[in-house]
């Protein structure tokens, strides 16, 4: 079984942007993980929230670092569900 999910992040900007960060379930460990090597993208505003979006702009290095730090805190609070980010 392969299970894919997302963590949906909403920016705090005046014009709210959304990033869907894919998480991958590892059957061996029973934990989900985030692949930090993939390109994280802002959602294309023309695509419905129920559909996957790969066409938005990539997060800048500063945006990705900021989100990465927030995800580390979020994942650390749920050690039974997620592998920690390195």
C-alpha atoms as a PDB file:
ATOM      1  CA  UNK A   1       0.000   0.000   0.000  1.00  0.00           C
ATOM      2  CA  UNK A   2       1.269   3.445  -0.871  1.00  0.00           C
ATOM      3  CA  UNK A   3      -0.401   6.397   0.784  1.00  0.00           C
ATOM      4  CA  UNK A   4       0.203   9.989  -0.173  1.00  0.00           C
ATOM      5  CA  UNK A   5      -1.123  12.935   1.775  1.00  0.00           C
ATOM      6  CA  UNK A   6      -0.338  16.609   2.081  1.00  0.00           C
ATOM      7  CA  UNK A   7       0.224  19.205   4.711  1.00  0.00           C
ATOM      8  CA  UNK A   8      -1.536  22.346   3.543  1.00  0.00           C
ATOM      9  CA  UNK A   9       0.165  25.560   4.636  1.00  0.00           C
ATOM     10  CA  UNK A  10      -1.551  28.950   4.467  1.00  0.00           C
ATOM     11  CA  UNK A  11       0.743  31.985   4.429  1.00  0.00           C
ATOM     12  CA  UNK A  12       0.033  34.874   6.756  1.00  0.00           C
ATOM     13  CA  UNK A  13       0.376  37.429   3.960  1.00  0.00           C
ATOM     14  CA  UNK A  14      -2.334  40.004   3.191  1.00  0.00           C
ATOM     15  CA  UNK A  15      -3.006  38.022   0.014  1.00  0.00           C
ATOM     16  CA  UNK A  16      -3.043  34.502   1.401  1.00  0.00           C
ATOM     17  CA  UNK A  17      -1.056  31.911  -0.535  1.00  0.00           C
ATOM     18  CA  UNK A  18      -1.278  28.162  -0.089  1.00  0.00           C
ATOM     19  CA  UNK A  19       1.465  25.546  -0.329  1.00  0.00           C
ATOM     20  CA  UNK A  20       0.708  21.819  -0.395  1.00  0.00           C
ATOM     21  CA  UNK A  21       3.663  19.872   1.012  1.00  0.00           C
ATOM     22  CA  UNK A  22       3.447  16.190   0.055  1.00  0.00           C
ATOM     23  CA  UNK A  23       4.001  13.618   2.770  1.00  0.00           C
ATOM     24  CA  UNK A  24       4.854   9.985   2.089  1.00  0.00           C
ATOM     25  CA  UNK A  25       3.821   7.103   4.308  1.00  0.00           C
ATOM     26  CA  UNK A  26       6.519   4.512   5.055  1.00  0.00           C
ATOM     27  CA  UNK A  27       4.942   1.123   5.678  1.00  0.00           C
ATOM     28  CA  UNK A  28       8.076  -0.277   7.336  1.00  0.00           C
ATOM     29  CA  UNK A  29       8.210   2.339  10.073  1.00  0.00           C
ATOM     30  CA  UNK A  30       4.519   3.224  10.153  1.00  0.00           C
ATOM     31  CA  UNK A  31       5.470   6.896   9.971  1.00  0.00           C
ATOM     32  CA  UNK A  32       4.944   9.595   7.384  1.00  0.00           C
ATOM     33  CA  UNK A  33       7.778  11.771   6.149  1.00  0.00           C
ATOM     34  CA  UNK A  34       8.426  14.878   4.111  1.00  0.00           C
ATOM     35  CA  UNK A  35      10.992  14.827   1.327  1.00  0.00           C
ATOM     36  CA  UNK A  36      12.871  18.135   1.711  1.00  0.00           C
ATOM     37  CA  UNK A  37      14.634  17.654  -1.632  1.00  0.00           C
ATOM     38  CA  UNK A  38      11.547  18.066  -3.827  1.00  0.00           C
ATOM     39  CA  UNK A  39      10.494  21.453  -5.170  1.00  0.00           C
ATOM     40  CA  UNK A  40       7.853  22.970  -2.906  1.00  0.00           C
ATOM     41  CA  UNK A  41       5.367  25.127  -4.797  1.00  0.00           C
ATOM     42  CA  UNK A  42       2.665  27.639  -4.061  1.00  0.00           C
ATOM     43  CA  UNK A  43      -0.697  26.428  -5.331  1.00  0.00           C
ATOM     44  CA  UNK A  44      -2.006  27.829  -8.586  1.00  0.00           C
ATOM     45  CA  UNK A  45      -5.044  29.896  -7.570  1.00  0.00           C
ATOM     46  CA  UNK A  46      -6.988  28.665 -10.614  1.00  0.00           C
ATOM     47  CA  UNK A  47      -6.962  25.022  -9.462  1.00  0.00           C
ATOM     48  CA  UNK A  48      -9.693  23.877  -7.033  1.00  0.00           C
ATOM     49  CA  UNK A  49      -8.460  22.974  -3.531  1.00  0.00           C
ATOM     50  CA  UNK A  50      -9.553  19.361  -4.017  1.00  0.00           C
ATOM     51  CA  UNK A  51      -7.157  18.909  -6.947  1.00  0.00           C
ATOM     52  CA  UNK A  52      -3.364  18.571  -6.895  1.00  0.00           C
ATOM     53  CA  UNK A  53      -1.458  21.641  -8.081  1.00  0.00           C
ATOM     54  CA  UNK A  54       2.038  21.468  -9.557  1.00  0.00           C
ATOM     55  CA  UNK A  55       1.810  24.535 -11.748  1.00  0.00           C
ATOM     56  CA  UNK A  56       2.319  27.296  -9.175  1.00  0.00           C
ATOM     57  CA  UNK A  57       5.592  29.122  -8.601  1.00  0.00           C
ATOM     58  CA  UNK A  58       8.289  27.442  -6.522  1.00  0.00           C
ATOM     59  CA  UNK A  59       8.910  28.758  -3.031  1.00  0.00           C
ATOM     60  CA  UNK A  60      11.987  30.951  -2.788  1.00  0.00           C
ATOM     61  CA  UNK A  61      14.875  29.658  -0.681  1.00  0.00           C
ATOM     62  CA  UNK A  62      13.901  32.051   2.141  1.00  0.00           C
ATOM     63  CA  UNK A  63      10.237  30.946   1.997  1.00  0.00           C
ATOM     64  CA  UNK A  64      11.231  27.278   1.968  1.00  0.00           C
ATOM     65  CA  UNK A  65      13.579  27.754   4.925  1.00  0.00           C
ATOM     66  CA  UNK A  66      10.853  29.561   6.887  1.00  0.00           C
ATOM     67  CA  UNK A  67       8.307  26.847   6.139  1.00  0.00           C
ATOM     68  CA  UNK A  68      10.872  24.116   6.844  1.00  0.00           C
ATOM     69  CA  UNK A  69      11.432  25.540  10.343  1.00  0.00           C
ATOM     70  CA  UNK A  70       7.688  25.674  11.001  1.00  0.00           C
ATOM     71  CA  UNK A  71       7.270  22.093   9.793  1.00  0.00           C
ATOM     72  CA  UNK A  72      10.066  20.890  12.096  1.00  0.00           C
ATOM     73  CA  UNK A  73       8.143  22.241  15.099  1.00  0.00           C
ATOM     74  CA  UNK A  74       4.854  20.767  13.843  1.00  0.00           C
ATOM     75  CA  UNK A  75       6.336  17.326  13.154  1.00  0.00           C
ATOM     76  CA  UNK A  76       8.271  17.216  16.430  1.00  0.00           C
ATOM     77  CA  UNK A  77       4.963  17.526  18.288  1.00  0.00           C
ATOM     78  CA  UNK A  78       3.684  14.368  16.576  1.00  0.00           C
ATOM     79  CA  UNK A  79       6.486  11.772  16.866  1.00  0.00           C
ATOM     80  CA  UNK A  80       4.081   8.826  16.581  1.00  0.00           C
ATOM     81  CA  UNK A  81       2.883   9.963  13.149  1.00  0.00           C
ATOM     82  CA  UNK A  82       5.876  11.620  11.472  1.00  0.00           C
ATOM     83  CA  UNK A  83       9.607  11.125  11.047  1.00  0.00           C
ATOM     84  CA  UNK A  84      11.489  14.228  12.164  1.00  0.00           C
ATOM     85  CA  UNK A  85      12.956  16.526   9.546  1.00  0.00           C
ATOM     86  CA  UNK A  86      16.720  16.553   9.370  1.00  0.00           C
END
